[in-house]
Protein backbone atom coordinates (compact mmCIF):
# COMPACT_ATOMS: atom_id res chain seq x y z
CA MET A 1 29.45 -16.28 51.32
CA GLU A 2 29.70 -14.74 48.45
CA LEU A 3 27.19 -15.71 45.69
CA SER A 4 27.99 -16.92 42.36
CA GLU A 5 27.55 -14.55 39.34
CA ARG A 6 24.60 -16.68 38.03
CA LYS A 7 23.03 -16.65 41.79
CA LYS A 8 22.67 -12.69 41.58
CA GLN A 9 21.35 -12.63 38.22
CA ILE A 10 18.84 -14.97 39.23
CA LEU A 11 18.42 -12.64 42.39
CA ARG A 12 18.27 -9.47 40.47
CA ALA A 13 15.59 -10.98 38.03
CA VAL A 14 13.67 -12.04 41.31
CA VAL A 15 13.86 -8.76 42.60
CA GLU A 16 13.14 -6.74 39.26
CA ASN A 17 9.89 -9.11 38.13
CA TYR A 18 8.57 -8.99 41.82
CA ILE A 19 8.79 -4.95 42.06
CA GLN A 20 6.89 -5.21 39.07
CA THR A 21 4.02 -7.85 39.10
CA ALA A 22 3.63 -8.07 43.06
CA GLU A 23 3.26 -11.72 42.07
CA PRO A 24 5.84 -14.90 43.60
CA VAL A 25 8.07 -15.38 40.98
CA GLY A 26 8.86 -18.68 39.09
CA SER A 27 11.21 -20.31 37.29
CA LYS A 28 10.07 -19.79 33.41
CA ALA A 29 9.65 -16.38 33.97
CA ILE A 30 13.62 -16.34 35.68
CA VAL A 31 14.49 -18.05 32.50
CA ALA A 32 13.05 -15.36 29.79
CA ALA A 33 14.31 -12.70 31.97
CA ALA A 34 17.71 -13.28 33.08
CA GLY A 35 18.58 -14.62 29.57
CA LEU A 36 20.32 -17.44 31.37
CA LYS A 37 21.25 -20.65 28.80
CA VAL A 38 20.28 -23.25 31.55
CA SER A 39 17.28 -25.48 32.41
CA SER A 40 14.53 -24.31 34.31
CA ALA A 41 15.58 -27.38 36.96
CA THR A 42 18.74 -25.63 37.22
CA ILE A 43 16.92 -22.10 37.52
CA ARG A 44 15.14 -23.99 40.40
CA ASN A 45 18.16 -25.43 42.43
CA GLU A 46 19.97 -22.50 42.25
CA MET A 47 16.81 -20.68 43.53
CA ALA A 48 16.47 -23.16 46.46
CA GLU A 49 19.71 -22.23 47.57
CA LEU A 50 18.98 -18.75 47.50
CA GLU A 51 16.31 -19.97 49.78
CA ASN A 52 18.27 -21.76 51.69
CA LEU A 53 20.58 -19.09 51.86
CA GLY A 54 17.91 -16.51 53.37
CA TYR A 55 17.47 -14.03 49.93
CA LEU A 56 14.52 -15.72 48.68
CA GLU A 57 11.07 -16.94 50.52
CA GLN A 58 8.33 -18.68 49.20
CA PRO A 59 5.11 -17.87 50.14
CA HIS A 60 2.96 -21.22 51.43
CA THR A 61 0.49 -20.69 48.69
CA SER A 62 2.64 -20.65 45.76
CA ALA A 63 5.15 -22.47 43.87
CA GLY A 64 7.32 -18.94 43.28
CA ARG A 65 9.75 -17.15 45.04
CA ILE A 66 9.54 -13.49 46.57
CA PRO A 67 12.51 -11.95 47.51
CA SER A 68 13.17 -11.71 51.21
CA PRO A 69 14.67 -8.10 53.29
CA LYS A 70 18.31 -9.85 53.09
CA GLY A 71 17.99 -10.36 49.06
CA TYR A 72 15.94 -6.75 49.00
CA ARG A 73 19.61 -5.10 51.20
CA LEU A 74 21.83 -7.23 48.10
CA TYR A 75 19.87 -5.88 45.20
CA VAL A 76 20.33 -2.10 46.77
CA ASN A 77 24.18 -2.52 47.41
CA GLU A 78 25.37 -4.67 44.47
CA LEU A 79 23.14 -5.19 41.75
CA MET A 80 20.49 -2.03 40.99
CA GLU A 81 21.53 -0.29 38.31
CA GLU A 82 21.30 3.73 38.87
CA HIS A 83 18.43 5.35 37.52
CA ARG A 84 18.72 8.40 35.82
CA LEU A 85 16.12 10.51 34.76
CA THR A 86 14.27 11.15 31.45
CA MET A 87 14.17 15.11 30.71
CA GLN A 88 10.19 14.93 31.15
CA GLU A 89 10.64 13.38 34.73
CA ALA A 90 13.32 16.25 35.18
CA GLN A 91 11.00 18.96 33.67
CA LYS A 92 7.98 17.58 35.71
CA ILE A 93 10.38 18.00 38.83
CA ASN A 94 11.49 21.78 38.05
CA ASP A 95 8.54 22.74 37.37
CA ALA A 96 7.21 21.61 40.25
CA LEU A 97 10.13 23.14 42.59
CA ASN A 98 9.54 26.28 40.45
CA LEU A 99 6.37 26.99 42.40
CA LYS A 100 6.23 30.52 44.23
CA MET A 101 6.49 28.76 47.86
CA ARG A 102 7.49 31.52 50.29
CA GLU A 103 6.80 29.88 53.81
CA MET A 104 8.73 26.66 54.75
CA ASP A 105 5.68 25.08 56.06
CA GLN A 106 3.80 25.63 52.64
CA VAL A 107 7.35 24.61 51.44
CA MET A 108 7.37 21.34 53.03
CA THR A 109 3.39 20.66 52.56
CA GLU A 110 3.63 21.14 48.83
CA ALA A 111 7.05 19.13 48.81
CA GLY A 112 5.19 16.27 50.11
CA LYS A 113 2.13 16.40 47.57
CA ILE A 114 4.09 16.54 44.50
CA ILE A 115 6.66 13.47 45.84
CA SER A 116 3.62 11.88 46.33
CA GLN A 117 2.08 12.41 43.19
CA LEU A 118 5.41 11.48 41.29
CA THR A 119 6.00 8.61 43.10
CA GLN A 120 2.10 7.60 44.05
CA TYR A 121 3.54 6.27 47.31
CA PRO A 122 2.75 8.08 50.50
CA THR A 123 5.35 10.69 51.18
CA PHE A 124 7.20 12.47 54.51
CA SER A 125 8.93 15.40 55.38
CA LEU A 126 10.97 16.33 57.80
CA THR A 127 12.51 19.47 58.82
CA THR A 128 15.22 20.23 61.36
CA GLY A 129 17.47 22.78 63.21
CA SER A 130 21.25 21.72 63.24
CA ARG A 131 21.94 25.15 65.91
CA LYS A 132 20.13 28.41 67.92
CA ALA A 133 18.06 30.53 65.52
CA THR A 134 18.00 34.41 66.28
CA ILE A 135 16.54 37.62 64.77
CA THR A 136 18.83 39.73 63.11
CA ARG A 137 16.48 42.50 62.24
CA TYR A 138 12.84 44.45 63.00
CA ASP A 139 10.64 46.01 60.96
CA LEU A 140 7.70 47.34 61.76
CA LEU A 141 5.39 48.97 59.66
CA MET A 142 2.05 51.22 60.49
CA VAL A 143 -0.93 49.92 58.88
CA GLU A 144 -3.12 52.59 60.62
CA GLU A 145 -3.79 54.52 63.77
CA SER A 146 -3.91 51.89 66.59
CA ALA A 147 -2.03 48.51 63.84
CA PHE A 148 1.22 47.93 62.85
CA ILE A 149 2.99 44.91 61.25
CA ALA A 150 6.06 43.48 62.74
CA VAL A 151 8.00 42.03 59.77
CA LEU A 152 11.32 39.49 61.21
CA MET A 153 14.28 38.45 59.92
CA THR A 154 16.63 35.71 61.02
CA ASP A 155 20.25 34.60 60.28
CA GLY A 156 18.63 31.73 58.37
CA GLN A 157 17.10 34.71 55.99
CA GLN A 158 13.29 33.10 57.19
CA VAL A 159 11.25 35.85 57.33
CA ARG A 160 8.17 36.17 59.60
CA ASN A 161 5.74 38.87 60.37
CA LYS A 162 2.45 39.13 62.20
CA LEU A 163 0.24 41.90 62.29
CA PHE A 164 -0.77 43.97 65.48
CA ARG A 165 -3.65 45.75 66.39
CA LEU A 166 -3.36 47.79 69.63
CA PRO A 167 -6.39 49.69 72.34
CA THR A 168 -4.87 52.67 72.03
CA PRO A 169 -3.32 54.77 68.82
CA LEU A 170 0.40 54.58 67.57
CA SER A 171 2.29 57.55 65.95
CA ASN A 172 5.38 57.04 63.34
CA PRO A 173 7.67 58.26 65.86
CA GLN A 174 6.81 55.79 68.82
CA LEU A 175 7.03 53.25 66.01
CA GLN A 176 10.49 53.96 65.13
CA LEU A 177 11.32 54.53 68.43
CA LEU A 178 10.15 50.81 69.11
CA SER A 179 12.09 49.59 65.92
CA THR A 180 15.16 51.16 67.46
CA LEU A 181 15.24 49.45 71.02
CA LEU A 182 14.38 46.28 68.98
CA ASN A 183 17.39 46.21 66.36
CA THR A 184 19.15 47.76 69.29
CA SER A 185 18.53 45.06 72.19
CA PHE A 186 16.49 42.04 70.89
CA THR A 187 19.10 41.11 68.17
CA GLY A 188 21.67 38.19 67.98
CA LEU A 189 19.46 36.15 70.98
CA THR A 190 18.39 32.93 70.87
CA LEU A 191 15.83 31.75 72.73
CA GLU A 192 16.74 31.28 75.65
CA GLU A 193 18.41 34.60 75.81
CA LEU A 194 15.42 36.91 74.90
CA GLY A 195 13.80 35.94 78.37
CA PRO A 196 16.25 37.72 80.06
CA ALA A 197 16.48 40.63 77.53
CA LEU A 198 12.65 41.00 78.10
CA GLU A 199 13.39 41.07 81.69
CA ARG A 200 16.24 43.98 82.07
CA VAL A 201 14.44 46.14 79.52
CA ALA A 202 11.30 45.86 82.30
CA SER A 203 13.32 47.34 85.20
CA HIS A 204 13.53 50.49 83.36
CA ALA A 205 10.54 51.30 80.29
CA GLY A 206 7.67 52.78 80.90
CA GLU A 207 4.43 50.51 81.08
CA GLU A 208 3.01 51.48 77.89
CA ALA A 209 6.74 51.16 76.21
CA TYR A 210 7.24 47.56 77.59
CA GLY A 211 4.03 46.63 76.58
CA LEU A 212 4.56 46.93 73.38
CA ILE A 213 7.80 45.35 73.09
CA GLN A 214 7.01 42.63 75.04
CA LEU A 215 4.16 41.98 72.45
CA VAL A 216 7.15 41.88 69.31
CA VAL A 217 9.42 40.13 71.57
CA SER A 218 7.11 37.41 72.20
CA PHE A 219 6.50 37.01 68.43
CA ALA A 220 9.94 36.58 68.30
CA MET A 221 10.21 33.61 70.78
CA GLU A 222 7.51 31.92 68.90
CA VAL A 223 9.28 32.37 65.84
CA LEU A 224 12.23 31.30 67.17
CA GLU A 225 10.78 27.88 68.82
CA GLY A 226 9.30 27.10 65.96
CA LEU A 227 12.31 27.09 64.20
CA GLU A 228 14.54 25.22 66.20
CA ALA A 229 11.86 22.35 66.58
CA ASN A 230 11.62 19.69 64.21
CA VAL A 231 8.32 20.09 61.54
CA VAL A 232 6.51 16.40 60.22
CA HIS A 233 4.62 16.94 57.34
CA THR A 234 2.78 14.03 55.85
CA ALA A 235 1.30 13.34 52.27
CA GLY A 236 -0.77 11.45 50.25
CA LEU A 237 -1.85 8.26 52.74
CA PRO A 238 -4.82 7.17 50.55
CA THR A 239 -1.90 5.72 48.30
CA LEU A 240 -0.81 3.39 50.24
CA LEU A 241 -4.66 1.65 49.36
CA ALA A 242 -3.88 0.92 45.98
CA HIS A 243 -0.97 -1.28 46.18
CA PRO A 244 -1.46 -5.24 46.59
CA GLU A 245 0.21 -5.14 49.45
CA TYR A 246 -2.09 -2.91 51.69
CA GLN A 247 -4.94 -2.99 49.62
CA SER A 248 -6.22 -5.19 53.28
CA LEU A 249 -6.75 -2.37 55.95
CA GLU A 250 -5.76 -4.39 58.28
CA ARG A 251 -1.85 -4.48 56.95
CA ALA A 252 -2.77 -0.87 55.59
CA GLU A 253 -4.09 0.93 58.63
CA PRO A 254 -1.01 0.62 61.30
CA ILE A 255 1.33 2.49 58.97
CA MET A 256 -0.94 4.91 58.40
CA ASN A 257 -1.83 5.54 61.59
CA PHE A 258 2.27 5.60 62.42
CA LEU A 259 2.46 8.31 59.36
CA THR A 260 -0.68 10.47 60.71
CA GLU A 261 1.02 9.96 64.40
CA MET A 262 4.53 11.57 62.82
CA GLU A 263 2.78 14.89 62.19
CA GLU A 264 1.89 14.70 65.79
CA GLY A 265 5.32 14.46 66.88
CA ALA A 266 6.48 11.30 66.10
CA LYS A 267 10.18 10.86 65.89
CA PHE A 268 11.72 9.42 62.56
CA PRO A 269 15.32 8.61 61.53
CA VAL A 270 17.64 11.44 60.57
CA LEU A 271 20.21 10.85 57.53
CA GLN A 272 23.86 11.62 58.67
CA ASN A 273 25.98 11.90 56.16
CA ASP A 274 23.99 9.95 54.16
CA LYS A 275 22.59 11.85 50.75
CA VAL A 276 19.88 9.22 50.04
CA LYS A 277 18.73 6.02 52.65
CA ILE A 278 17.29 3.35 52.28
CA LEU A 279 15.83 1.07 55.19
CA ILE A 280 14.29 -2.28 54.02
CA GLY A 281 11.78 -4.27 56.58
CA PRO A 282 13.43 -5.16 59.88
CA GLU A 283 15.95 -3.04 59.48
CA ASN A 284 13.05 -0.02 59.94
CA VAL A 285 13.33 0.47 64.13
CA ALA A 286 8.97 1.55 63.96
CA ASP A 287 7.30 -1.76 64.22
CA GLU A 288 4.78 -0.88 62.21
CA LEU A 289 7.43 -0.30 59.27
CA LYS A 290 9.24 -3.77 59.90
CA ASP A 291 7.30 -5.40 56.43
CA SER A 292 7.77 -1.75 54.40
CA SER A 293 10.97 -0.13 53.16
CA VAL A 294 11.30 3.80 53.71
CA ILE A 295 13.30 5.37 50.77
CA MET A 296 14.57 8.88 52.43
CA ALA A 297 16.84 11.94 51.04
CA SER A 298 18.65 14.81 52.20
CA TYR A 299 18.74 18.26 51.45
CA ASP A 300 20.10 21.55 52.88
CA ILE A 301 17.41 24.48 54.00
CA GLY A 302 20.42 27.20 54.52
CA GLY A 303 20.73 29.09 58.47
CA GLY A 304 21.72 25.71 60.20
CA MET A 305 18.17 24.05 58.78
CA GLN A 306 18.38 20.08 57.40
CA GLY A 307 15.14 18.71 55.51
CA VAL A 308 14.70 15.10 54.56
CA ILE A 309 11.80 14.08 52.66
CA GLY A 310 11.35 10.46 51.90
CA VAL A 311 8.77 7.69 50.73
CA VAL A 312 7.03 4.58 52.41
CA GLY A 313 5.55 1.21 50.62
CA PRO A 314 6.37 -2.26 50.18
CA THR A 315 9.15 -3.94 50.49
CA ARG A 316 8.94 -4.42 46.51
CA MET A 317 9.36 -0.70 45.69
CA ASN A 318 11.39 0.16 42.59
CA TYR A 319 14.42 1.13 44.70
CA ALA A 320 16.54 2.48 41.83
CA ASP A 321 13.73 4.88 40.15
CA LEU A 322 12.90 6.20 44.04
CA ALA A 323 16.04 6.51 45.03
CA ALA A 324 16.61 9.12 41.92
CA ARG A 325 13.69 10.76 41.71
CA LEU A 326 13.69 11.51 45.59
CA SER A 327 17.80 12.79 44.91
CA TYR A 328 16.94 14.79 42.06
CA PHE A 329 14.25 16.23 44.52
CA ALA A 330 16.64 17.54 47.35
CA ASP A 331 19.02 18.58 45.75
CA GLY A 332 16.51 21.02 43.22
CA LEU A 333 15.36 22.23 47.58
CA SER A 334 18.94 22.36 48.31
CA ARG A 335 19.03 24.95 45.32
CA MET A 336 15.67 26.40 45.75
CA PHE A 337 16.58 27.76 49.31
CA GLY A 338 20.34 28.66 48.21
CA LYS A 339 19.54 30.75 45.27
CA PRO A 340 17.41 34.24 45.43
CA GLU A 341 13.89 34.37 44.18
CA ASN A 342 13.73 29.90 44.10
CA GLU A 343 15.73 30.10 41.09
CA ILE A 344 15.97 26.29 40.21
CA PRO A 345 18.56 25.26 37.60
CA PRO A 346 17.04 24.19 34.38
CA PRO A 347 17.11 20.28 33.87
CA GLY A 348 20.24 19.56 31.76
CA ALA A 349 22.50 21.19 34.69
CA MET A 350 21.45 17.93 36.43
CA GLU A 351 22.40 15.71 33.24
CA PRO A 352 19.45 13.43 33.31
CA GLU A 353 19.32 10.73 30.78
CA ASP A 354 18.54 11.71 27.08
CA ASP A 355 14.83 12.44 26.43
CA LYS A 356 13.40 8.84 25.74
CA GLU A 357 10.65 6.88 27.91
CA GLU A 358 11.62 4.09 30.51
């Protein structure tokens, strides 16, 4: 059933009032908020019809109404106005993105913390590989007679290094020979291909040489295994307790446990073609999130890897504001991973709203 324009105006006013107050909304508040030239009695009748249609709910202890998941979904799909960031908001995000974050784990940890601070909601970030990674180059740097650093570069331009200490001295010529062998026989190979390649070398390499090769190739296998695995970081779990819906530990604990378990490998829905995705209440697969909402934005890490960053909170979240912040932040991450030296475009390049407070 298609709602009348008046019903849509009333539903929008209920959602936006409830987002601000976390209190059930009555007809008098709607008259003031929606600017409708009708009586409170007419508003009450319309709200009763919206409740019968499943767009509003009435808590037992109040005469006011609150949006249902169905009401939030209609609001997000049709009634929500696009939120444009202020210059201050855009600059704050760009300042955060311009931090010197070099390693992937550090990037994701810092990104989660920043988003949680900006939104005041718990945040999760997920990276996932869409193809098999390979090592494109090995550089071996002598530190001292019995120690060297192996620097590995992947086909996705990720760089990893590790210090190796040896029980016996190693000469520079030996190290250069090892580097040549590694770059000749162990580049362009996937994780599954490195093991058999190592076995082939074992059949004709000397024991000492094979021991050195095995050290570096084993490190390469660890690097590729880490790049191919889904990596989840969470941040800002205590912020959940600041919201009225979760001041009861009974309500907050299942969600906090769920987010904690995500770091230990729990699965989370990954975006396909959507740049921003909003899951409201029962739309979430996880039982722990059935009374909450999740907003996610995707970004491109490069090298066949994708990332998702999102927030979890009550169904009365400010969807327009949060979707805009997450989308802008995700665009910044895509640019950061795609440009040298973490170069982020100035705020004006993203065309935020004129310099004014919301």
